[in-house]
């Protein structure tokens, strides 16, 4: 659903949520480790993070015209409504459980056209910290390597969701770390894709530690 097609109450929710995240995020003291191709390379990049960091990701990469994949669930509607006011492109809708093929095609088109995208590796339903094959397939079809990204906050609350979404408290120290790119050959078979999925999980786990 596009921004103009959303009901007024959902657009209002999205703008208020984006405003609140901008306000609290302005107090965070941020630092970064590792090379960040999502901001400094000339072409498109694919950032991959755990679902628990969705709010940190949304704030950190705001106002850059990036795109994200968001599920077609009710939660996905709320997330989508907030992403546009945060300066993202209209999200590609779909996930491993619903509309995955269409979402993958949409993301491939965006990456090939030069748009950086972010993927929630273990979404939309988990299990937490176990990535799906979608990011690996996107890298194979687009020819762009995956960049693992992790966030850590010195003080934060966690929601009672399956992923225990993290929201840093005001004035928290927030650190984000970038791992080495993971390239996926365009002729990778199922066994190779599964191996690379495991490599992605290990990279995200190491960055999180």
C-alpha atoms as a PDB file:
ATOM      1  CA  UNK A   1       0.000   0.000   0.000  1.00  0.00           C
ATOM      2  CA  UNK A   2       1.397   3.426  -0.943  1.00  0.00           C
ATOM      3  CA  UNK A   3       1.468   6.405   1.403  1.00  0.00           C
ATOM      4  CA  UNK A   4      -1.487   8.024  -0.349  1.00  0.00           C
ATOM      5  CA  UNK A   5      -3.505   4.813  -0.143  1.00  0.00           C
ATOM      6  CA  UNK A   6      -3.225   4.451   3.630  1.00  0.00           C
ATOM      7  CA  UNK A   7      -6.140   5.529   5.833  1.00  0.00           C
ATOM      8  CA  UNK A   8      -5.667   8.776   7.717  1.00  0.00           C
ATOM      9  CA  UNK A   9      -5.290   7.096  11.092  1.00  0.00           C
ATOM     10  CA  UNK A  10      -2.457   4.895   9.787  1.00  0.00           C
ATOM     11  CA  UNK A  11      -0.658   7.833   8.157  1.00  0.00           C
ATOM     12  CA  UNK A  12      -1.016   9.773  11.425  1.00  0.00           C
ATOM     13  CA  UNK A  13       0.399   6.834  13.364  1.00  0.00           C
ATOM     14  CA  UNK A  14       3.322   6.616  10.961  1.00  0.00           C
ATOM     15  CA  UNK A  15       4.218  10.295  11.160  1.00  0.00           C
ATOM     16  CA  UNK A  16       3.907  10.391  14.970  1.00  0.00           C
ATOM     17  CA  UNK A  17       6.016   7.234  15.312  1.00  0.00           C
ATOM     18  CA  UNK A  18       8.678   8.655  13.016  1.00  0.00           C
ATOM     19  CA  UNK A  19       8.683  11.941  14.944  1.00  0.00           C
ATOM     20  CA  UNK A  20       9.056  10.110  18.267  1.00  0.00           C
ATOM     21  CA  UNK A  21      11.920   7.973  16.949  1.00  0.00           C
ATOM     22  CA  UNK A  22      13.697  11.027  15.548  1.00  0.00           C
ATOM     23  CA  UNK A  23      13.317  12.795  18.897  1.00  0.00           C
ATOM     24  CA  UNK A  24      14.654  10.000  21.080  1.00  0.00           C
ATOM     25  CA  UNK A  25      17.327   9.093  18.516  1.00  0.00           C
ATOM     26  CA  UNK A  26      18.661  12.656  18.570  1.00  0.00           C
ATOM     27  CA  UNK A  27      19.793  12.062  22.154  1.00  0.00           C
ATOM     28  CA  UNK A  28      21.749   8.879  21.430  1.00  0.00           C
ATOM     29  CA  UNK A  29      25.545   9.058  21.376  1.00  0.00           C
ATOM     30  CA  UNK A  30      26.555   6.941  18.409  1.00  0.00           C
ATOM     31  CA  UNK A  31      29.789   5.401  17.212  1.00  0.00           C
ATOM     32  CA  UNK A  32      30.659   2.931  14.464  1.00  0.00           C
ATOM     33  CA  UNK A  33      33.191   0.194  13.827  1.00  0.00           C
ATOM     34  CA  UNK A  34      34.187  -1.323  10.502  1.00  0.00           C
ATOM     35  CA  UNK A  35      33.841  -0.226   6.918  1.00  0.00           C
ATOM     36  CA  UNK A  36      30.348   0.946   6.020  1.00  0.00           C
ATOM     37  CA  UNK A  37      29.556   0.390   2.322  1.00  0.00           C
ATOM     38  CA  UNK A  38      25.934   1.328   2.947  1.00  0.00           C
ATOM     39  CA  UNK A  39      26.977   4.970   3.171  1.00  0.00           C
ATOM     40  CA  UNK A  40      30.336   5.370   1.459  1.00  0.00           C
ATOM     41  CA  UNK A  41      30.287   3.237  -1.701  1.00  0.00           C
ATOM     42  CA  UNK A  42      28.974   4.675  -4.944  1.00  0.00           C
ATOM     43  CA  UNK A  43      26.746   1.733  -5.871  1.00  0.00           C
ATOM     44  CA  UNK A  44      23.940  -0.105  -4.120  1.00  0.00           C
ATOM     45  CA  UNK A  45      24.573  -2.174  -1.000  1.00  0.00           C
ATOM     46  CA  UNK A  46      22.597  -4.797   0.937  1.00  0.00           C
ATOM     47  CA  UNK A  47      22.628  -4.415   4.709  1.00  0.00           C
ATOM     48  CA  UNK A  48      21.517  -7.386   6.816  1.00  0.00           C
ATOM     49  CA  UNK A  49      20.537  -7.046  10.496  1.00  0.00           C
ATOM     50  CA  UNK A  50      18.641  -9.022  13.122  1.00  0.00           C
ATOM     51  CA  UNK A  51      14.946  -8.183  13.438  1.00  0.00           C
ATOM     52  CA  UNK A  52      15.449  -7.031  17.043  1.00  0.00           C
ATOM     53  CA  UNK A  53      17.338  -4.003  15.732  1.00  0.00           C
ATOM     54  CA  UNK A  54      14.579  -2.716  13.442  1.00  0.00           C
ATOM     55  CA  UNK A  55      14.177   0.570  15.365  1.00  0.00           C
ATOM     56  CA  UNK A  56      17.920   1.205  15.486  1.00  0.00           C
ATOM     57  CA  UNK A  57      18.208   0.479  11.777  1.00  0.00           C
ATOM     58  CA  UNK A  58      15.241   2.720  10.958  1.00  0.00           C
ATOM     59  CA  UNK A  59      16.764   5.655  12.794  1.00  0.00           C
ATOM     60  CA  UNK A  60      20.394   5.184  11.786  1.00  0.00           C
ATOM     61  CA  UNK A  61      19.788   5.004   8.017  1.00  0.00           C
ATOM     62  CA  UNK A  62      16.992   7.573   7.846  1.00  0.00           C
ATOM     63  CA  UNK A  63      16.747  10.238   5.127  1.00  0.00           C
ATOM     64  CA  UNK A  64      18.953   8.421   2.610  1.00  0.00           C
ATOM     65  CA  UNK A  65      16.300   7.052   0.257  1.00  0.00           C
ATOM     66  CA  UNK A  66      17.093   3.454   1.177  1.00  0.00           C
ATOM     67  CA  UNK A  67      14.503   0.698   0.925  1.00  0.00           C
ATOM     68  CA  UNK A  68      13.520  -2.158   3.213  1.00  0.00           C
ATOM     69  CA  UNK A  69      11.503  -5.340   2.916  1.00  0.00           C
ATOM     70  CA  UNK A  70       8.477  -5.389   5.222  1.00  0.00           C
ATOM     71  CA  UNK A  71       6.075  -8.276   5.762  1.00  0.00           C
ATOM     72  CA  UNK A  72       2.433  -8.170   4.649  1.00  0.00           C
ATOM     73  CA  UNK A  73       1.257  -8.661   8.237  1.00  0.00           C
ATOM     74  CA  UNK A  74      -0.571  -6.100  10.368  1.00  0.00           C
ATOM     75  CA  UNK A  75       2.723  -5.259  12.082  1.00  0.00           C
ATOM     76  CA  UNK A  76       4.171  -4.724   8.624  1.00  0.00           C
ATOM     77  CA  UNK A  77       1.494  -2.126   7.880  1.00  0.00           C
ATOM     78  CA  UNK A  78       2.502  -0.143  10.958  1.00  0.00           C
ATOM     79  CA  UNK A  79       6.206  -0.387  10.138  1.00  0.00           C
ATOM     80  CA  UNK A  80       5.618   0.656   6.531  1.00  0.00           C
ATOM     81  CA  UNK A  81       3.614   3.685   7.641  1.00  0.00           C
ATOM     82  CA  UNK A  82       6.572   4.922   9.705  1.00  0.00           C
ATOM     83  CA  UNK A  83       9.343   4.264   7.171  1.00  0.00           C
ATOM     84  CA  UNK A  84       8.280   6.842   4.575  1.00  0.00           C
ATOM     85  CA  UNK A  85       8.267   9.760   7.082  1.00  0.00           C
ATOM     86  CA  UNK A  86      11.753   8.604   8.124  1.00  0.00           C
ATOM     87  CA  UNK A  87      13.009   9.226   4.601  1.00  0.00           C
ATOM     88  CA  UNK A  88      12.869   5.700   3.171  1.00  0.00           C
ATOM     89  CA  UNK A  89      11.401   4.642  -0.140  1.00  0.00           C
ATOM     90  CA  UNK A  90       8.006   2.966   0.033  1.00  0.00           C
ATOM     91  CA  UNK A  91       8.876  -0.486   1.477  1.00  0.00           C
ATOM     92  CA  UNK A  92       8.800  -3.629  -0.631  1.00  0.00           C
ATOM     93  CA  UNK A  93       6.096  -5.803   0.906  1.00  0.00           C
ATOM     94  CA  UNK A  94       6.549  -9.534   1.431  1.00  0.00           C
ATOM     95  CA  UNK A  95       8.421 -12.072   3.528  1.00  0.00           C
ATOM     96  CA  UNK A  96       9.394 -15.729   3.737  1.00  0.00           C
ATOM     97  CA  UNK A  97       5.882 -16.566   4.953  1.00  0.00           C
ATOM     98  CA  UNK A  98       3.827 -14.467   2.526  1.00  0.00           C
ATOM     99  CA  UNK A  99       4.636 -12.778  -0.764  1.00  0.00           C
ATOM    100  CA  UNK A 100       8.312 -13.684  -0.615  1.00  0.00           C
ATOM    101  CA  UNK A 101       8.832 -14.199  -4.353  1.00  0.00           C
ATOM    102  CA  UNK A 102       7.280 -10.842  -5.249  1.00  0.00           C
ATOM    103  CA  UNK A 103       9.301  -9.080  -2.554  1.00  0.00           C
ATOM    104  CA  UNK A 104      12.514 -10.681  -3.790  1.00  0.00           C
ATOM    105  CA  UNK A 105      11.843  -9.550  -7.373  1.00  0.00           C
ATOM    106  CA  UNK A 106      11.126  -6.029  -6.167  1.00  0.00           C
ATOM    107  CA  UNK A 107      14.326  -5.877  -4.130  1.00  0.00           C
ATOM    108  CA  UNK A 108      16.411  -7.207  -7.020  1.00  0.00           C
ATOM    109  CA  UNK A 109      15.039  -4.463  -9.277  1.00  0.00           C
ATOM    110  CA  UNK A 110      15.862  -1.801  -6.689  1.00  0.00           C
ATOM    111  CA  UNK A 111      19.414  -3.032  -6.081  1.00  0.00           C
ATOM    112  CA  UNK A 112      20.128  -3.313  -9.800  1.00  0.00           C
ATOM    113  CA  UNK A 113      18.861   0.254 -10.190  1.00  0.00           C
ATOM    114  CA  UNK A 114      21.325   1.453  -7.541  1.00  0.00           C
ATOM    115  CA  UNK A 115      19.150   1.595  -4.407  1.00  0.00           C
ATOM    116  CA  UNK A 116      20.635   0.358  -1.145  1.00  0.00           C
ATOM    117  CA  UNK A 117      18.317  -1.993   0.740  1.00  0.00           C
ATOM    118  CA  UNK A 118      18.186  -3.344   4.279  1.00  0.00           C
ATOM    119  CA  UNK A 119      16.977  -6.837   5.175  1.00  0.00           C
ATOM    120  CA  UNK A 120      15.792  -8.166   8.537  1.00  0.00           C
ATOM    121  CA  UNK A 121      17.487 -11.545   8.318  1.00  0.00           C
ATOM    122  CA  UNK A 122      15.360 -13.533  10.779  1.00  0.00           C
ATOM    123  CA  UNK A 123      11.992 -11.898  10.089  1.00  0.00           C
ATOM    124  CA  UNK A 124       9.103 -11.779  10.099  1.00  0.00           C
ATOM    125  CA  UNK A 125       8.391 -14.517  12.668  1.00  0.00           C
ATOM    126  CA  UNK A 126      11.755 -15.959  13.651  1.00  0.00           C
ATOM    127  CA  UNK A 127      13.164 -17.936  15.222  1.00  0.00           C
ATOM    128  CA  UNK A 128      15.328 -15.097  16.424  1.00  0.00           C
ATOM    129  CA  UNK A 129      18.932 -15.021  15.204  1.00  0.00           C
ATOM    130  CA  UNK A 130      18.362 -17.633  12.500  1.00  0.00           C
ATOM    131  CA  UNK A 131      18.414 -15.981   9.094  1.00  0.00           C
ATOM    132  CA  UNK A 132      16.224 -16.985   6.183  1.00  0.00           C
ATOM    133  CA  UNK A 133      17.578 -17.705   2.712  1.00  0.00           C
ATOM    134  CA  UNK A 134      16.083 -14.510   1.287  1.00  0.00           C
ATOM    135  CA  UNK A 135      19.166 -12.327   1.816  1.00  0.00           C
ATOM    136  CA  UNK A 136      21.418 -14.940   0.177  1.00  0.00           C
ATOM    137  CA  UNK A 137      19.049 -15.238  -2.786  1.00  0.00           C
ATOM    138  CA  UNK A 138      18.962 -11.453  -3.163  1.00  0.00           C
ATOM    139  CA  UNK A 139      22.757 -11.276  -3.237  1.00  0.00           C
ATOM    140  CA  UNK A 140      22.932 -14.072  -5.822  1.00  0.00           C
ATOM    141  CA  UNK A 141      20.352 -12.525  -8.136  1.00  0.00           C
ATOM    142  CA  UNK A 142      21.555  -8.931  -7.809  1.00  0.00           C
ATOM    143  CA  UNK A 143      25.302  -9.554  -7.838  1.00  0.00           C
ATOM    144  CA  UNK A 144      25.763  -7.355  -4.736  1.00  0.00           C
ATOM    145  CA  UNK A 145      27.419  -8.723  -1.592  1.00  0.00           C
ATOM    146  CA  UNK A 146      25.703  -8.821   1.802  1.00  0.00           C
ATOM    147  CA  UNK A 147      26.985  -6.518   4.549  1.00  0.00           C
ATOM    148  CA  UNK A 148      26.243  -7.833   8.079  1.00  0.00           C
ATOM    149  CA  UNK A 149      25.354  -5.036  10.501  1.00  0.00           C
ATOM    150  CA  UNK A 150      24.854  -5.194  14.280  1.00  0.00           C
ATOM    151  CA  UNK A 151      23.804  -2.616  16.862  1.00  0.00           C
ATOM    152  CA  UNK A 152      24.351  -2.380  20.607  1.00  0.00           C
ATOM    153  CA  UNK A 153      22.901   0.077  23.121  1.00  0.00           C
ATOM    154  CA  UNK A 154      24.317   0.718  26.584  1.00  0.00           C
ATOM    155  CA  UNK A 155      20.834   1.192  28.055  1.00  0.00           C
ATOM    156  CA  UNK A 156      17.673  -0.058  26.402  1.00  0.00           C
ATOM    157  CA  UNK A 157      14.286  -1.644  26.895  1.00  0.00           C
ATOM    158  CA  UNK A 158      13.129  -4.763  25.080  1.00  0.00           C
ATOM    159  CA  UNK A 159       9.580  -5.344  23.948  1.00  0.00           C
ATOM    160  CA  UNK A 160       7.782  -8.607  24.670  1.00  0.00           C
ATOM    161  CA  UNK A 161       7.761  -9.662  21.044  1.00  0.00           C
ATOM    162  CA  UNK A 162       9.248 -12.828  19.535  1.00  0.00           C
ATOM    163  CA  UNK A 163      12.410 -10.922  18.600  1.00  0.00           C
ATOM    164  CA  UNK A 164      12.526  -8.788  21.787  1.00  0.00           C
ATOM    165  CA  UNK A 165      12.831  -5.562  19.801  1.00  0.00           C
ATOM    166  CA  UNK A 166      15.414  -3.165  21.246  1.00  0.00           C
ATOM    167  CA  UNK A 167      14.644   0.496  21.979  1.00  0.00           C
ATOM    168  CA  UNK A 168      17.598   2.448  23.422  1.00  0.00           C
ATOM    169  CA  UNK A 169      16.740   4.803  26.262  1.00  0.00           C
ATOM    170  CA  UNK A 170      17.389   8.537  25.933  1.00  0.00           C
ATOM    171  CA  UNK A 171      21.095   9.438  25.977  1.00  0.00           C
ATOM    172  CA  UNK A 172      22.166   5.809  25.561  1.00  0.00           C
ATOM    173  CA  UNK A 173      25.453   5.018  23.851  1.00  0.00           C
ATOM    174  CA  UNK A 174      24.692   3.260  20.570  1.00  0.00           C
ATOM    175  CA  UNK A 175      27.379   1.395  18.660  1.00  0.00           C
ATOM    176  CA  UNK A 176      26.945  -0.159  15.247  1.00  0.00           C
ATOM    177  CA  UNK A 177      29.398  -2.583  13.717  1.00  0.00           C
ATOM    178  CA  UNK A 178      29.888  -3.590  10.079  1.00  0.00           C
ATOM    179  CA  UNK A 179      31.205  -6.997   9.078  1.00  0.00           C
ATOM    180  CA  UNK A 180      33.106  -8.073   6.007  1.00  0.00           C
ATOM    181  CA  UNK A 181      30.969  -8.360   2.849  1.00  0.00           C
ATOM    182  CA  UNK A 182      29.657 -11.835   1.986  1.00  0.00           C
ATOM    183  CA  UNK A 183      29.578 -12.399  -1.774  1.00  0.00           C
ATOM    184  CA  UNK A 184      27.215 -14.992  -3.286  1.00  0.00           C
ATOM    185  CA  UNK A 185      28.151 -16.461  -6.705  1.00  0.00           C
ATOM    186  CA  UNK A 186      25.406 -16.173  -9.305  1.00  0.00           C
ATOM    187  CA  UNK A 187      25.639 -19.935  -9.924  1.00  0.00           C
ATOM    188  CA  UNK A 188      25.415 -20.933  -6.250  1.00  0.00           C
ATOM    189  CA  UNK A 189      23.336 -24.087  -5.741  1.00  0.00           C
ATOM    190  CA  UNK A 190      21.145 -24.920  -2.741  1.00  0.00           C
ATOM    191  CA  UNK A 191      24.023 -26.414  -0.764  1.00  0.00           C
ATOM    192  CA  UNK A 192      26.200 -23.337  -1.341  1.00  0.00           C
ATOM    193  CA  UNK A 193      23.350 -20.983  -0.441  1.00  0.00           C
ATOM    194  CA  UNK A 194      22.790 -22.885   2.804  1.00  0.00           C
ATOM    195  CA  UNK A 195      26.511 -22.681   3.610  1.00  0.00           C
ATOM    196  CA  UNK A 196      26.490 -18.934   3.013  1.00  0.00           C
ATOM    197  CA  UNK A 197      23.357 -18.532   5.120  1.00  0.00           C
ATOM    198  CA  UNK A 198      25.266 -20.177   7.966  1.00  0.00           C
ATOM    199  CA  UNK A 199      28.202 -17.851   7.332  1.00  0.00           C
ATOM    200  CA  UNK A 200      25.848 -14.869   7.576  1.00  0.00           C
ATOM    201  CA  UNK A 201      24.466 -16.135  10.893  1.00  0.00           C
ATOM    202  CA  UNK A 202      27.958 -16.566  12.292  1.00  0.00           C
ATOM    203  CA  UNK A 203      29.006 -13.102  11.128  1.00  0.00           C
ATOM    204  CA  UNK A 204      25.958 -11.459  12.719  1.00  0.00           C
ATOM    205  CA  UNK A 205      26.486 -13.419  15.937  1.00  0.00           C
ATOM    206  CA  UNK A 206      30.129 -12.358  16.120  1.00  0.00           C
ATOM    207  CA  UNK A 207      29.294  -8.702  15.462  1.00  0.00           C
ATOM    208  CA  UNK A 208      26.569  -8.838  18.126  1.00  0.00           C
ATOM    209  CA  UNK A 209      28.978 -10.266  20.698  1.00  0.00           C
END
